[in-house]
Amino acid sequence: MFSVKSHFVVFMLFSLVFLAFFQTVYADAGKEALDGLNITAKEGYGTVPRGTVPATIGKIVGSILAFTGIIFFLLVIYGGFTWMMARGNEQEVAKAKSLIEQAAIGLIIVLAAYALTAFIGRALTSPT
């Protein structure tokens, strides 16, 4: 029988291989986030030369959002893997469901906070 540690090691190795093959997808998502942040910064501050505070903040926020999406993806995959390996054990199924629900709630909170911040930022920096 495999232990929980061996399942986790196999899962992490699979995840690393999976992420290595599909890293361009994450790079595109991060680029889209940074482009949106740069457009918002340009509207608020005019032109945003490289190395300025708004550009740096935009890069940091974009990187954090991309990392949050990756963490959510990994948590959902791990929760699904745990659910599959529960083999009818109700406690393990409940733990897996809870993990997936908590990951979804965390992602919703992060996206809502970003949306609220972007909305308030646009409202404060708009000329009207």
Protein backbone atom coordinates (compact mmCIF):
# COMPACT_ATOMS: atom_id res chain seq x y z
CA MET A 1 0.00 0.00 0.00
CA PHE A 2 1.10 3.50 -0.73
CA SER A 3 1.28 5.98 2.10
CA VAL A 4 0.00 9.53 2.03
CA LYS A 5 3.58 10.78 1.70
CA SER A 6 4.21 8.73 -1.42
CA HIS A 7 0.96 9.96 -2.97
CA PHE A 8 1.95 13.53 -2.20
CA VAL A 9 5.42 13.06 -3.71
CA VAL A 10 3.94 11.57 -6.88
CA PHE A 11 1.43 14.43 -7.05
CA MET A 12 4.14 17.08 -6.64
CA LEU A 13 6.34 15.47 -9.31
CA PHE A 14 3.38 15.31 -11.70
CA SER A 15 2.57 18.96 -10.93
CA LEU A 16 6.14 20.08 -11.61
CA VAL A 17 6.24 18.25 -14.93
CA PHE A 18 2.80 19.61 -15.84
CA LEU A 19 3.80 23.18 -14.97
CA ALA A 20 7.08 22.88 -16.87
CA PHE A 21 5.25 22.02 -20.09
CA PHE A 22 2.57 24.68 -19.70
CA GLN A 23 4.52 27.62 -18.30
CA THR A 24 3.88 29.71 -21.44
CA VAL A 25 0.17 29.77 -20.54
CA TYR A 26 0.99 31.29 -17.17
CA ALA A 27 3.37 33.76 -18.78
CA ASP A 28 0.59 34.93 -21.11
CA ALA A 29 -1.83 35.29 -18.20
CA GLY A 30 0.72 37.32 -16.25
CA LYS A 31 1.38 39.47 -19.32
CA GLU A 32 -2.34 40.18 -19.71
CA ALA A 33 -2.59 41.17 -16.04
CA LEU A 34 0.43 43.46 -16.35
CA ASP A 35 -0.92 45.00 -19.57
CA GLY A 36 -4.21 45.79 -17.83
CA LEU A 37 -2.41 47.30 -14.87
CA ASN A 38 -0.14 49.37 -17.14
CA ILE A 39 -3.16 50.68 -19.07
CA THR A 40 -4.82 51.68 -15.79
CA ALA A 41 -1.60 53.35 -14.61
CA LYS A 42 -1.26 55.24 -17.91
CA GLU A 43 -4.84 56.51 -17.63
CA GLY A 44 -4.23 57.67 -14.07
CA TYR A 45 -0.72 59.06 -14.38
CA GLY A 46 -0.27 59.70 -18.09
CA THR A 47 2.77 57.94 -19.46
CA VAL A 48 4.42 55.48 -17.13
CA PRO A 49 8.15 55.17 -17.79
CA ARG A 50 9.90 52.02 -16.64
CA GLY A 51 11.21 51.99 -13.11
CA THR A 52 8.60 54.36 -11.69
CA VAL A 53 6.57 53.57 -8.61
CA PRO A 54 3.27 52.92 -10.50
CA ALA A 55 5.00 50.58 -12.95
CA THR A 56 6.72 48.71 -10.13
CA ILE A 57 3.49 48.39 -8.15
CA GLY A 58 1.73 47.15 -11.28
CA LYS A 59 4.36 44.46 -11.80
CA ILE A 60 4.17 43.36 -8.16
CA VAL A 61 0.36 43.17 -8.17
CA GLY A 62 0.35 41.33 -11.49
CA SER A 63 2.87 38.80 -10.21
CA ILE A 64 0.89 38.24 -7.03
CA LEU A 65 -2.32 37.68 -9.02
CA ALA A 66 -0.60 35.20 -11.33
CA PHE A 67 0.87 33.36 -8.35
CA THR A 68 -2.55 33.28 -6.67
CA GLY A 69 -4.05 31.65 -9.76
CA ILE A 70 -1.32 29.00 -9.78
CA ILE A 71 -1.84 28.26 -6.08
CA PHE A 72 -5.60 27.94 -6.62
CA PHE A 73 -5.03 25.56 -9.51
CA LEU A 74 -2.67 23.39 -7.46
CA LEU A 75 -5.04 23.31 -4.47
CA VAL A 76 -7.96 22.23 -6.63
CA ILE A 77 -5.86 19.52 -8.29
CA TYR A 78 -4.63 18.31 -4.88
CA GLY A 79 -8.19 18.33 -3.50
CA GLY A 80 -9.41 16.31 -6.47
CA PHE A 81 -6.52 13.88 -6.08
CA THR A 82 -7.29 13.49 -2.37
CA TRP A 83 -10.95 12.90 -3.16
CA MET A 84 -10.09 10.21 -5.71
CA MET A 85 -7.73 8.48 -3.29
CA ALA A 86 -10.26 8.55 -0.41
CA ARG A 87 -11.66 5.18 -1.52
CA GLY A 88 -15.02 5.81 0.15
CA ASN A 89 -13.60 7.10 3.43
CA GLU A 90 -16.08 9.81 4.38
CA GLN A 91 -13.58 11.76 6.47
CA GLU A 92 -11.12 11.99 3.58
CA VAL A 93 -13.91 12.97 1.15
CA ALA A 94 -15.07 15.68 3.55
CA LYS A 95 -11.48 16.94 3.88
CA ALA A 96 -11.07 17.06 0.09
CA LYS A 97 -14.39 18.89 -0.39
CA SER A 98 -13.42 21.35 2.30
CA LEU A 99 -10.05 22.00 0.64
CA ILE A 100 -11.65 22.67 -2.74
CA GLU A 101 -14.31 24.93 -1.20
CA GLN A 102 -11.72 26.89 0.78
CA ALA A 103 -9.55 27.33 -2.32
CA ALA A 104 -12.52 28.63 -4.31
CA ILE A 105 -13.54 31.01 -1.53
CA GLY A 106 -9.97 32.30 -1.26
CA LEU A 107 -9.79 32.92 -5.00
CA ILE A 108 -13.14 34.74 -4.94
CA ILE A 109 -11.96 36.95 -2.06
CA VAL A 110 -8.69 37.82 -3.84
CA LEU A 111 -10.46 38.60 -7.14
CA ALA A 112 -13.15 40.65 -5.38
CA ALA A 113 -10.50 42.65 -3.53
CA TYR A 114 -8.67 43.32 -6.81
CA ALA A 115 -11.89 44.29 -8.59
CA LEU A 116 -12.91 46.62 -5.76
CA THR A 117 -9.46 48.22 -5.66
CA ALA A 118 -9.41 48.67 -9.45
CA PHE A 119 -12.90 50.19 -9.39
CA ILE A 120 -12.02 52.64 -6.62
CA GLY A 121 -8.73 53.49 -8.33
CA ARG A 122 -10.51 54.24 -11.62
CA ALA A 123 -13.16 56.29 -9.81
CA LEU A 124 -10.54 58.38 -8.02
CA THR A 125 -8.31 58.93 -11.05
CA SER A 126 -10.98 59.56 -13.69
CA PRO A 127 -11.21 63.17 -14.88
CA THR A 128 -15.01 63.36 -14.44
